[in-house]
């Protein structure tokens, strides 16, 4: 598995977990998923990840998700 594929997989898993924890506003998950699908390079995925963190930071459900999830420590996503 390439670094791109691994990062993409982690990002998709994180989007699903954020959705499961009701972090997204209606329609928001689809927009982020589209950003992941359109990514052609690792740097594109990293920009999606950084933008996601910037947009969601400060939301109570996101902050709780970050405190309780292993994405904080075991994945390069969200760092």
N, C-alpha and C. Protein backbone atom coordinates (compact mmCIF):
# COMPACT_ATOMS: atom_id res chain seq x y z
N UNK A 1 0.85 -1.17 0.00
CA UNK A 1 0.00 0.00 0.00
C UNK A 1 0.90 1.24 0.00
N UNK A 2 0.58 2.17 -0.85
CA UNK A 2 1.37 3.40 -0.94
C UNK A 2 1.00 4.35 0.20
N UNK A 3 1.85 5.33 0.43
CA UNK A 3 1.57 6.34 1.45
C UNK A 3 0.28 7.08 1.10
N UNK A 4 0.10 7.41 -0.18
CA UNK A 4 -1.13 8.08 -0.62
C UNK A 4 -2.35 7.23 -0.25
N UNK A 5 -2.31 5.96 -0.59
CA UNK A 5 -3.45 5.07 -0.32
C UNK A 5 -3.73 4.93 1.17
N UNK A 6 -2.69 4.84 1.94
CA UNK A 6 -2.84 4.73 3.38
C UNK A 6 -3.46 5.99 3.97
N UNK A 7 -2.96 7.14 3.55
CA UNK A 7 -3.48 8.42 4.04
C UNK A 7 -4.93 8.59 3.61
N UNK A 8 -5.22 8.24 2.36
CA UNK A 8 -6.59 8.34 1.84
C UNK A 8 -7.53 7.45 2.65
N UNK A 9 -7.10 6.24 2.93
CA UNK A 9 -7.91 5.31 3.71
C UNK A 9 -8.18 5.86 5.11
N UNK A 10 -7.14 6.39 5.75
CA UNK A 10 -7.29 6.97 7.09
C UNK A 10 -8.25 8.16 7.06
N UNK A 11 -8.14 8.99 6.03
CA UNK A 11 -8.99 10.17 5.93
C UNK A 11 -10.45 9.75 5.71
N UNK A 12 -10.67 8.75 4.88
CA UNK A 12 -12.03 8.26 4.67
C UNK A 12 -12.61 7.67 5.96
N UNK A 13 -11.79 6.93 6.69
CA UNK A 13 -12.22 6.34 7.95
C UNK A 13 -12.56 7.44 8.96
N UNK A 14 -11.75 8.48 8.97
CA UNK A 14 -12.00 9.59 9.89
C UNK A 14 -13.30 10.30 9.52
N UNK A 15 -13.56 10.53 8.23
CA UNK A 15 -14.80 11.17 7.81
C UNK A 15 -16.01 10.35 8.27
N UNK A 16 -15.92 9.05 8.13
CA UNK A 16 -17.01 8.18 8.57
C UNK A 16 -17.20 8.27 10.09
N UNK A 17 -16.10 8.29 10.84
CA UNK A 17 -16.18 8.40 12.29
C UNK A 17 -16.75 9.75 12.72
N UNK A 18 -16.34 10.82 12.04
CA UNK A 18 -16.88 12.14 12.35
C UNK A 18 -18.38 12.16 12.07
N UNK A 19 -18.79 11.53 10.98
CA UNK A 19 -20.22 11.46 10.64
C UNK A 19 -20.97 10.66 11.69
N UNK A 20 -20.39 9.55 12.12
CA UNK A 20 -21.03 8.71 13.14
C UNK A 20 -21.20 9.48 14.45
N UNK A 21 -20.34 10.46 14.70
CA UNK A 21 -20.39 11.26 15.92
C UNK A 21 -21.13 12.58 15.72
N UNK A 22 -21.85 12.69 14.61
CA UNK A 22 -22.69 13.86 14.31
C UNK A 22 -21.93 15.18 14.35
N UNK A 23 -20.70 15.17 13.87
CA UNK A 23 -19.88 16.39 13.86
C UNK A 23 -20.25 17.29 12.68
N UNK A 24 -20.66 16.69 11.58
CA UNK A 24 -20.93 17.45 10.36
C UNK A 24 -22.32 18.08 10.35
N UNK A 25 -22.39 19.23 9.72
CA UNK A 25 -23.68 19.83 9.39
C UNK A 25 -24.24 19.07 8.19
N UNK A 26 -25.55 19.19 7.93
CA UNK A 26 -26.13 18.49 6.78
C UNK A 26 -25.39 18.81 5.47
N UNK A 27 -25.03 17.76 4.75
CA UNK A 27 -24.36 17.90 3.46
C UNK A 27 -22.85 18.10 3.54
N UNK A 28 -22.35 18.33 4.73
CA UNK A 28 -20.92 18.62 4.88
C UNK A 28 -20.04 17.41 4.61
N UNK A 29 -20.45 16.25 5.06
CA UNK A 29 -19.63 15.05 4.86
C UNK A 29 -19.42 14.80 3.37
N UNK A 30 -20.45 14.97 2.58
CA UNK A 30 -20.35 14.74 1.15
C UNK A 30 -19.33 15.67 0.50
N UNK A 31 -19.30 16.90 0.95
CA UNK A 31 -18.34 17.87 0.41
C UNK A 31 -16.91 17.45 0.75
N UNK A 32 -16.68 17.01 1.97
CA UNK A 32 -15.33 16.57 2.36
C UNK A 32 -14.95 15.29 1.63
N UNK A 33 -15.91 14.39 1.47
CA UNK A 33 -15.63 13.15 0.75
C UNK A 33 -15.24 13.45 -0.70
N UNK A 34 -15.92 14.42 -1.30
CA UNK A 34 -15.60 14.82 -2.66
C UNK A 34 -14.16 15.35 -2.74
N UNK A 35 -13.76 16.11 -1.74
CA UNK A 35 -12.38 16.61 -1.71
C UNK A 35 -11.36 15.48 -1.68
N UNK A 36 -11.67 14.44 -0.93
CA UNK A 36 -10.78 13.27 -0.86
C UNK A 36 -10.77 12.55 -2.20
N UNK A 37 -11.94 12.38 -2.80
CA UNK A 37 -12.04 11.67 -4.08
C UNK A 37 -11.31 12.40 -5.20
N UNK A 38 -11.28 13.72 -5.15
CA UNK A 38 -10.64 14.50 -6.20
C UNK A 38 -9.13 14.64 -6.02
N UNK A 39 -8.63 14.24 -4.87
CA UNK A 39 -7.20 14.37 -4.58
C UNK A 39 -6.39 13.47 -5.52
N UNK A 40 -5.35 14.05 -6.08
CA UNK A 40 -4.47 13.29 -6.97
C UNK A 40 -3.10 13.04 -6.37
N UNK A 41 -2.75 13.80 -5.35
CA UNK A 41 -1.43 13.70 -4.73
C UNK A 41 -1.58 13.72 -3.22
N UNK A 42 -0.59 13.23 -2.53
CA UNK A 42 -0.59 13.24 -1.07
C UNK A 42 -0.79 14.66 -0.54
N UNK A 43 -0.17 15.62 -1.19
CA UNK A 43 -0.31 17.01 -0.72
C UNK A 43 -1.77 17.48 -0.81
N UNK A 44 -2.53 16.98 -1.78
CA UNK A 44 -3.95 17.31 -1.88
C UNK A 44 -4.72 16.77 -0.68
N UNK A 45 -4.42 15.53 -0.30
CA UNK A 45 -5.07 14.94 0.87
C UNK A 45 -4.71 15.69 2.14
N UNK A 46 -3.46 16.08 2.23
CA UNK A 46 -3.01 16.82 3.41
C UNK A 46 -3.72 18.17 3.50
N UNK A 47 -3.94 18.81 2.36
CA UNK A 47 -4.65 20.10 2.37
C UNK A 47 -6.11 19.90 2.78
N UNK A 48 -6.74 18.82 2.33
CA UNK A 48 -8.11 18.52 2.75
C UNK A 48 -8.14 18.31 4.26
N UNK A 49 -7.19 17.55 4.76
CA UNK A 49 -7.12 17.28 6.19
C UNK A 49 -6.94 18.58 6.99
N UNK A 50 -6.03 19.43 6.56
CA UNK A 50 -5.78 20.69 7.27
C UNK A 50 -7.01 21.59 7.22
N UNK A 51 -7.66 21.66 6.08
CA UNK A 51 -8.86 22.49 5.96
C UNK A 51 -9.99 21.94 6.84
N UNK A 52 -10.10 20.63 6.89
CA UNK A 52 -11.12 20.00 7.72
C UNK A 52 -10.93 20.37 9.19
N UNK A 53 -9.71 20.26 9.66
CA UNK A 53 -9.42 20.59 11.05
C UNK A 53 -9.71 22.06 11.32
N UNK A 54 -9.32 22.92 10.39
CA UNK A 54 -9.55 24.35 10.56
C UNK A 54 -11.04 24.67 10.65
N UNK A 55 -11.83 24.06 9.79
CA UNK A 55 -13.27 24.32 9.75
C UNK A 55 -13.97 23.76 11.00
N UNK A 56 -13.58 22.58 11.41
CA UNK A 56 -14.28 21.92 12.51
C UNK A 56 -13.78 22.31 13.90
N UNK A 57 -12.59 22.85 13.99
CA UNK A 57 -12.03 23.21 15.29
C UNK A 57 -12.97 24.17 16.02
N UNK A 58 -13.17 23.88 17.28
CA UNK A 58 -14.03 24.72 18.09
C UNK A 58 -15.46 24.19 18.20
N UNK A 59 -15.82 23.28 17.32
CA UNK A 59 -17.14 22.66 17.47
C UNK A 59 -17.07 21.67 18.62
N UNK A 60 -18.02 21.74 19.50
CA UNK A 60 -18.01 20.90 20.69
C UNK A 60 -17.90 19.41 20.34
N UNK A 61 -18.67 18.96 19.36
CA UNK A 61 -18.64 17.54 19.01
C UNK A 61 -17.30 17.15 18.39
N UNK A 62 -16.67 18.06 17.65
CA UNK A 62 -15.35 17.76 17.09
C UNK A 62 -14.31 17.68 18.19
N UNK A 63 -14.35 18.63 19.10
CA UNK A 63 -13.39 18.62 20.20
C UNK A 63 -13.53 17.35 21.04
N UNK A 64 -14.76 16.92 21.27
CA UNK A 64 -14.99 15.68 22.01
C UNK A 64 -14.47 14.48 21.22
N UNK A 65 -14.73 14.47 19.91
CA UNK A 65 -14.23 13.40 19.05
C UNK A 65 -12.71 13.31 19.13
N UNK A 66 -12.05 14.45 19.04
CA UNK A 66 -10.59 14.46 19.09
C UNK A 66 -10.06 13.95 20.42
N UNK A 67 -10.72 14.29 21.49
CA UNK A 67 -10.29 13.86 22.83
C UNK A 67 -10.48 12.36 23.02
N UNK A 68 -11.50 11.82 22.37
CA UNK A 68 -11.85 10.41 22.60
C UNK A 68 -11.35 9.45 21.52
N UNK A 69 -10.87 9.97 20.39
CA UNK A 69 -10.51 9.08 19.29
C UNK A 69 -9.02 8.77 19.27
N UNK A 70 -8.67 7.73 18.51
CA UNK A 70 -7.27 7.38 18.35
C UNK A 70 -6.67 8.05 17.12
N UNK A 71 -7.46 8.86 16.39
CA UNK A 71 -6.90 9.58 15.26
C UNK A 71 -5.85 10.58 15.73
N UNK A 72 -5.97 11.00 16.96
CA UNK A 72 -5.03 11.95 17.53
C UNK A 72 -3.63 11.37 17.64
N UNK A 73 -3.52 10.08 17.93
CA UNK A 73 -2.22 9.51 18.25
C UNK A 73 -1.73 8.43 17.30
N UNK A 74 -2.65 7.74 16.65
CA UNK A 74 -2.25 6.58 15.85
C UNK A 74 -2.30 6.80 14.36
N UNK A 75 -2.67 7.97 13.92
CA UNK A 75 -2.82 8.23 12.50
C UNK A 75 -2.19 9.57 12.15
N UNK A 76 -1.59 9.65 10.97
CA UNK A 76 -1.06 10.94 10.55
C UNK A 76 -2.16 11.93 10.20
N UNK A 77 -3.38 11.44 10.04
CA UNK A 77 -4.51 12.30 9.74
C UNK A 77 -4.86 13.08 11.00
N UNK A 78 -5.14 14.33 10.85
CA UNK A 78 -5.52 15.25 11.91
C UNK A 78 -4.34 15.74 12.74
N UNK A 79 -3.16 15.47 12.35
CA UNK A 79 -2.01 15.98 13.12
C UNK A 79 -1.61 17.33 12.62
